[in-house]
Amino acid sequence: MTSALRERVVEYLDSHHAMTIASCGEEGVWAAAVFYVNDGFRLYFLSAPTTRHSRNIARDARIAITIQEDCADWPQIKGIQAEGRAVEIGGAEEARARELYGEKYPVVGKVAQAPAFIVKALAKVRWYRFEPECLYFIDNSAGFGHREAVDCHAPSS
């Protein structure tokens, strides 16, 4: 895998906002869309601990995620498929996630200026980190079903 592919994937992550989380729990499989922010391949998101996906993560940290274009024709399909583990975070890592999140979503970063409903919602959330163990970049413009494996753990060059 080339460093160019790694850079393309990080740029893709930087330029998108929502990911779908697939998790499994006592009630079965579940998918939920959440906003995320990335630090390289590491993804951070927030969610209330009472949501089904958060309860599932607390039970089994293994999840899969997708991030993709909303398109109408198969050659336009582009995105990311990944699997790994999600964990609740705190302390310095949570502070870093909040800082990154605030840079990408200013209404969250400037809590003093945020609408009351945002402040109230943020008081109820937990912060999570998704660490991919396996990640693929999909790009049908390069051919039907074109998928490239990305080594998320290789040192950057």
C-alpha atoms as a PDB file:
ATOM      1  CA  MET A   1       0.000   0.000   0.000  1.00  0.00           C
ATOM      2  CA  THR A   2       1.289   3.411  -0.902  1.00  0.00           C
ATOM      3  CA  SER A   3       1.527   6.455   1.301  1.00  0.00           C
ATOM      4  CA  ALA A   4      -0.586   8.156  -1.395  1.00  0.00           C
ATOM      5  CA  LEU A   5      -3.474   5.796  -0.587  1.00  0.00           C
ATOM      6  CA  ARG A   6      -3.093   6.474   3.137  1.00  0.00           C
ATOM      7  CA  GLU A   7      -3.161  10.222   2.435  1.00  0.00           C
ATOM      8  CA  ARG A   8      -6.249   9.881   0.191  1.00  0.00           C
ATOM      9  CA  VAL A   9      -8.083   7.974   2.929  1.00  0.00           C
ATOM     10  CA  VAL A  10      -7.184  10.497   5.636  1.00  0.00           C
ATOM     11  CA  GLU A  11      -8.312  13.335   3.331  1.00  0.00           C
ATOM     12  CA  TYR A  12     -11.568  11.452   2.757  1.00  0.00           C
ATOM     13  CA  LEU A  13     -12.064  11.078   6.514  1.00  0.00           C
ATOM     14  CA  ASP A  14     -11.253  14.758   7.049  1.00  0.00           C
ATOM     15  CA  SER A  15     -13.812  15.884   4.462  1.00  0.00           C
ATOM     16  CA  HIS A  16     -16.771  13.796   5.635  1.00  0.00           C
ATOM     17  CA  HIS A  17     -18.927  14.058   8.726  1.00  0.00           C
ATOM     18  CA  ALA A  18     -21.187  11.056   9.326  1.00  0.00           C
ATOM     19  CA  MET A  19     -20.388   7.407   9.777  1.00  0.00           C
ATOM     20  CA  THR A  20     -22.702   4.478  10.258  1.00  0.00           C
ATOM     21  CA  ILE A  21     -21.890   2.191  13.154  1.00  0.00           C
ATOM     22  CA  ALA A  22     -22.957  -1.466  13.032  1.00  0.00           C
ATOM     23  CA  SER A  23     -22.999  -3.160  16.414  1.00  0.00           C
ATOM     24  CA  CYS A  24     -24.472  -6.247  18.009  1.00  0.00           C
ATOM     25  CA  GLY A  25     -26.100  -6.709  21.379  1.00  0.00           C
ATOM     26  CA  GLU A  26     -28.766  -8.581  23.277  1.00  0.00           C
ATOM     27  CA  GLU A  27     -31.439  -7.129  20.980  1.00  0.00           C
ATOM     28  CA  GLY A  28     -29.549  -8.219  17.862  1.00  0.00           C
ATOM     29  CA  VAL A  29     -27.668  -6.259  15.212  1.00  0.00           C
ATOM     30  CA  TRP A  30     -28.085  -2.501  14.951  1.00  0.00           C
ATOM     31  CA  ALA A  31     -26.901   0.350  12.732  1.00  0.00           C
ATOM     32  CA  ALA A  32     -26.782   4.020  13.704  1.00  0.00           C
ATOM     33  CA  ALA A  33     -25.376   7.134  12.060  1.00  0.00           C
ATOM     34  CA  VAL A  34     -23.208   9.467  14.144  1.00  0.00           C
ATOM     35  CA  PHE A  35     -21.038  12.492  13.455  1.00  0.00           C
ATOM     36  CA  TYR A  36     -17.331  11.831  13.874  1.00  0.00           C
ATOM     37  CA  VAL A  37     -14.009  13.570  13.867  1.00  0.00           C
ATOM     38  CA  ASN A  38     -10.763  11.866  12.971  1.00  0.00           C
ATOM     39  CA  ASP A  39      -7.183  12.046  14.109  1.00  0.00           C
ATOM     40  CA  GLY A  40      -5.564  10.159  11.258  1.00  0.00           C
ATOM     41  CA  PHE A  41      -7.382   6.813  11.133  1.00  0.00           C
ATOM     42  CA  ARG A  42      -8.603   7.063  14.731  1.00  0.00           C
ATOM     43  CA  LEU A  43     -12.241   8.200  14.836  1.00  0.00           C
ATOM     44  CA  TYR A  44     -13.976   9.922  17.762  1.00  0.00           C
ATOM     45  CA  PHE A  45     -17.706  10.257  18.248  1.00  0.00           C
ATOM     46  CA  LEU A  46     -20.110  11.075  21.017  1.00  0.00           C
ATOM     47  CA  SER A  47     -23.342   9.442  22.011  1.00  0.00           C
ATOM     48  CA  ALA A  48     -25.663   9.076  24.967  1.00  0.00           C
ATOM     49  CA  PRO A  49     -24.848   5.920  26.946  1.00  0.00           C
ATOM     50  CA  THR A  50     -28.518   4.918  26.774  1.00  0.00           C
ATOM     51  CA  THR A  51     -28.595   4.570  22.985  1.00  0.00           C
ATOM     52  CA  ARG A  52     -28.760   1.062  21.597  1.00  0.00           C
ATOM     53  CA  HIS A  53     -25.378   1.309  19.880  1.00  0.00           C
ATOM     54  CA  SER A  54     -23.698   2.612  23.064  1.00  0.00           C
ATOM     55  CA  ARG A  55     -25.208  -0.220  25.098  1.00  0.00           C
ATOM     56  CA  ASN A  56     -23.988  -2.660  22.438  1.00  0.00           C
ATOM     57  CA  ILE A  57     -20.466  -1.184  22.547  1.00  0.00           C
ATOM     58  CA  ALA A  58     -20.401  -1.507  26.337  1.00  0.00           C
ATOM     59  CA  ARG A  59     -21.255  -5.209  25.914  1.00  0.00           C
ATOM     60  CA  ASP A  60     -19.032  -5.937  22.895  1.00  0.00           C
ATOM     61  CA  ALA A  61     -16.537  -3.335  21.671  1.00  0.00           C
ATOM     62  CA  ARG A  62     -16.297  -4.905  18.191  1.00  0.00           C
ATOM     63  CA  ILE A  63     -18.098  -2.782  15.605  1.00  0.00           C
ATOM     64  CA  ALA A  64     -18.015  -2.091  11.883  1.00  0.00           C
ATOM     65  CA  ILE A  65     -18.376   1.342  10.307  1.00  0.00           C
ATOM     66  CA  THR A  66     -19.020   2.803   6.885  1.00  0.00           C
ATOM     67  CA  ILE A  67     -18.546   6.302   5.539  1.00  0.00           C
ATOM     68  CA  GLN A  68     -19.773   6.866   2.001  1.00  0.00           C
ATOM     69  CA  GLU A  69     -21.063   9.193  -0.641  1.00  0.00           C
ATOM     70  CA  ASP A  70     -24.784   9.595  -1.232  1.00  0.00           C
ATOM     71  CA  CYS A  71     -24.966   8.845  -4.941  1.00  0.00           C
ATOM     72  CA  ALA A  72     -27.415   7.641  -7.571  1.00  0.00           C
ATOM     73  CA  ASP A  73     -25.167   5.579  -9.869  1.00  0.00           C
ATOM     74  CA  TRP A  74     -22.872   2.669  -9.001  1.00  0.00           C
ATOM     75  CA  PRO A  75     -19.684   4.161 -10.557  1.00  0.00           C
ATOM     76  CA  GLN A  76     -20.007   7.033  -8.066  1.00  0.00           C
ATOM     77  CA  ILE A  77     -19.863   4.729  -5.031  1.00  0.00           C
ATOM     78  CA  LYS A  78     -16.905   5.737  -2.894  1.00  0.00           C
ATOM     79  CA  GLY A  79     -16.229   5.324   0.780  1.00  0.00           C
ATOM     80  CA  ILE A  80     -14.758   3.445   3.673  1.00  0.00           C
ATOM     81  CA  GLN A  81     -15.570   0.106   5.262  1.00  0.00           C
ATOM     82  CA  ALA A  82     -13.811  -0.731   8.512  1.00  0.00           C
ATOM     83  CA  GLU A  83     -13.979  -2.987  11.499  1.00  0.00           C
ATOM     84  CA  GLY A  84     -12.360  -2.603  14.853  1.00  0.00           C
ATOM     85  CA  ARG A  85     -13.116  -1.709  18.432  1.00  0.00           C
ATOM     86  CA  ALA A  86     -14.902   1.229  20.002  1.00  0.00           C
ATOM     87  CA  VAL A  87     -14.329   2.209  23.609  1.00  0.00           C
ATOM     88  CA  GLU A  88     -15.561   4.957  25.884  1.00  0.00           C
ATOM     89  CA  ILE A  89     -12.806   7.456  26.638  1.00  0.00           C
ATOM     90  CA  GLY A  90     -12.096  10.037  29.315  1.00  0.00           C
ATOM     91  CA  GLY A  91      -9.382  12.284  30.676  1.00  0.00           C
ATOM     92  CA  ALA A  92      -6.777  13.737  28.333  1.00  0.00           C
ATOM     93  CA  GLU A  93      -8.004  11.680  25.377  1.00  0.00           C
ATOM     94  CA  GLU A  94     -11.556  12.966  25.834  1.00  0.00           C
ATOM     95  CA  ALA A  95     -10.207  16.519  26.032  1.00  0.00           C
ATOM     96  CA  ARG A  96      -8.342  15.961  22.750  1.00  0.00           C
ATOM     97  CA  ALA A  97     -11.474  14.495  21.128  1.00  0.00           C
ATOM     98  CA  ARG A  98     -13.541  17.480  22.311  1.00  0.00           C
ATOM     99  CA  GLU A  99     -10.937  19.870  20.885  1.00  0.00           C
ATOM    100  CA  LEU A 100     -10.923  18.115  17.492  1.00  0.00           C
ATOM    101  CA  TYR A 101     -14.724  17.898  17.490  1.00  0.00           C
ATOM    102  CA  GLY A 102     -14.982  21.615  18.257  1.00  0.00           C
ATOM    103  CA  GLU A 103     -12.683  22.441  15.340  1.00  0.00           C
ATOM    104  CA  LYS A 104     -14.846  20.455  12.926  1.00  0.00           C
ATOM    105  CA  TYR A 105     -18.203  21.379  14.500  1.00  0.00           C
ATOM    106  CA  PRO A 106     -17.845  24.893  15.964  1.00  0.00           C
ATOM    107  CA  VAL A 107     -21.269  24.873  17.640  1.00  0.00           C
ATOM    108  CA  VAL A 108     -19.993  22.067  19.882  1.00  0.00           C
ATOM    109  CA  GLY A 109     -16.572  23.624  20.419  1.00  0.00           C
ATOM    110  CA  LYS A 110     -17.951  26.941  21.621  1.00  0.00           C
ATOM    111  CA  VAL A 111     -20.248  25.586  24.328  1.00  0.00           C
ATOM    112  CA  ALA A 112     -20.631  29.034  25.928  1.00  0.00           C
ATOM    113  CA  GLN A 113     -22.165  30.256  22.656  1.00  0.00           C
ATOM    114  CA  ALA A 114     -24.082  27.066  21.812  1.00  0.00           C
ATOM    115  CA  PRO A 115     -27.877  26.890  21.862  1.00  0.00           C
ATOM    116  CA  ALA A 116     -29.316  25.637  25.157  1.00  0.00           C
ATOM    117  CA  PHE A 117     -30.468  22.334  23.624  1.00  0.00           C
ATOM    118  CA  ILE A 118     -26.885  21.569  22.501  1.00  0.00           C
ATOM    119  CA  VAL A 119     -25.463  22.343  25.958  1.00  0.00           C
ATOM    120  CA  LYS A 120     -28.114  20.129  27.568  1.00  0.00           C
ATOM    121  CA  ALA A 121     -27.437  17.285  25.112  1.00  0.00           C
ATOM    122  CA  LEU A 122     -23.642  17.500  25.579  1.00  0.00           C
ATOM    123  CA  ALA A 123     -24.071  17.110  29.335  1.00  0.00           C
ATOM    124  CA  LYS A 124     -25.573  13.654  28.723  1.00  0.00           C
ATOM    125  CA  VAL A 125     -23.119  12.193  26.239  1.00  0.00           C
ATOM    126  CA  ARG A 126     -20.059  10.005  26.491  1.00  0.00           C
ATOM    127  CA  TRP A 127     -17.084  10.177  24.149  1.00  0.00           C
ATOM    128  CA  TYR A 128     -15.874   7.154  22.201  1.00  0.00           C
ATOM    129  CA  ARG A 129     -12.839   6.198  20.144  1.00  0.00           C
ATOM    130  CA  PHE A 130     -13.050   3.816  17.196  1.00  0.00           C
ATOM    131  CA  GLU A 131      -9.741   2.211  16.324  1.00  0.00           C
ATOM    132  CA  PRO A 132      -9.855   0.374  12.982  1.00  0.00           C
ATOM    133  CA  GLU A 133      -8.204  -3.024  12.789  1.00  0.00           C
ATOM    134  CA  CYS A 134      -9.156  -3.550   9.154  1.00  0.00           C
ATOM    135  CA  LEU A 135     -10.029  -0.746   6.717  1.00  0.00           C
ATOM    136  CA  TYR A 136     -10.908  -0.699   3.020  1.00  0.00           C
ATOM    137  CA  PHE A 137     -11.242   2.239   0.657  1.00  0.00           C
ATOM    138  CA  ILE A 138     -13.976   1.669  -1.931  1.00  0.00           C
ATOM    139  CA  ASP A 139     -13.858   3.532  -5.243  1.00  0.00           C
ATOM    140  CA  ASN A 140     -16.129   2.262  -8.011  1.00  0.00           C
ATOM    141  CA  SER A 141     -14.850   4.961 -10.378  1.00  0.00           C
ATOM    142  CA  ALA A 142     -11.748   2.721 -10.645  1.00  0.00           C
ATOM    143  CA  GLY A 143     -13.921  -0.293 -11.517  1.00  0.00           C
ATOM    144  CA  PHE A 144     -16.978  -2.132 -10.225  1.00  0.00           C
ATOM    145  CA  GLY A 145     -16.298  -3.321  -6.680  1.00  0.00           C
ATOM    146  CA  HIS A 146     -12.833  -1.710  -6.573  1.00  0.00           C
ATOM    147  CA  ARG A 147     -11.596  -2.002  -2.986  1.00  0.00           C
ATOM    148  CA  GLU A 148      -8.134  -1.351  -1.551  1.00  0.00           C
ATOM    149  CA  ALA A 149      -6.950  -2.535   1.873  1.00  0.00           C
ATOM    150  CA  VAL A 150      -5.420   0.216   3.991  1.00  0.00           C
ATOM    151  CA  ASP A 151      -2.832  -0.574   6.673  1.00  0.00           C
ATOM    152  CA  CYS A 152      -3.942   1.739   9.477  1.00  0.00           C
ATOM    153  CA  HIS A 153      -1.031   0.746  11.703  1.00  0.00           C
ATOM    154  CA  ALA A 154       1.846   1.387   9.297  1.00  0.00           C
ATOM    155  CA  PRO A 155       3.990   4.383  10.252  1.00  0.00           C
ATOM    156  CA  SER A 156       3.357   7.487   8.165  1.00  0.00           C
ATOM    157  CA  SER A 157       6.113   8.335   5.724  1.00  0.00           C
END
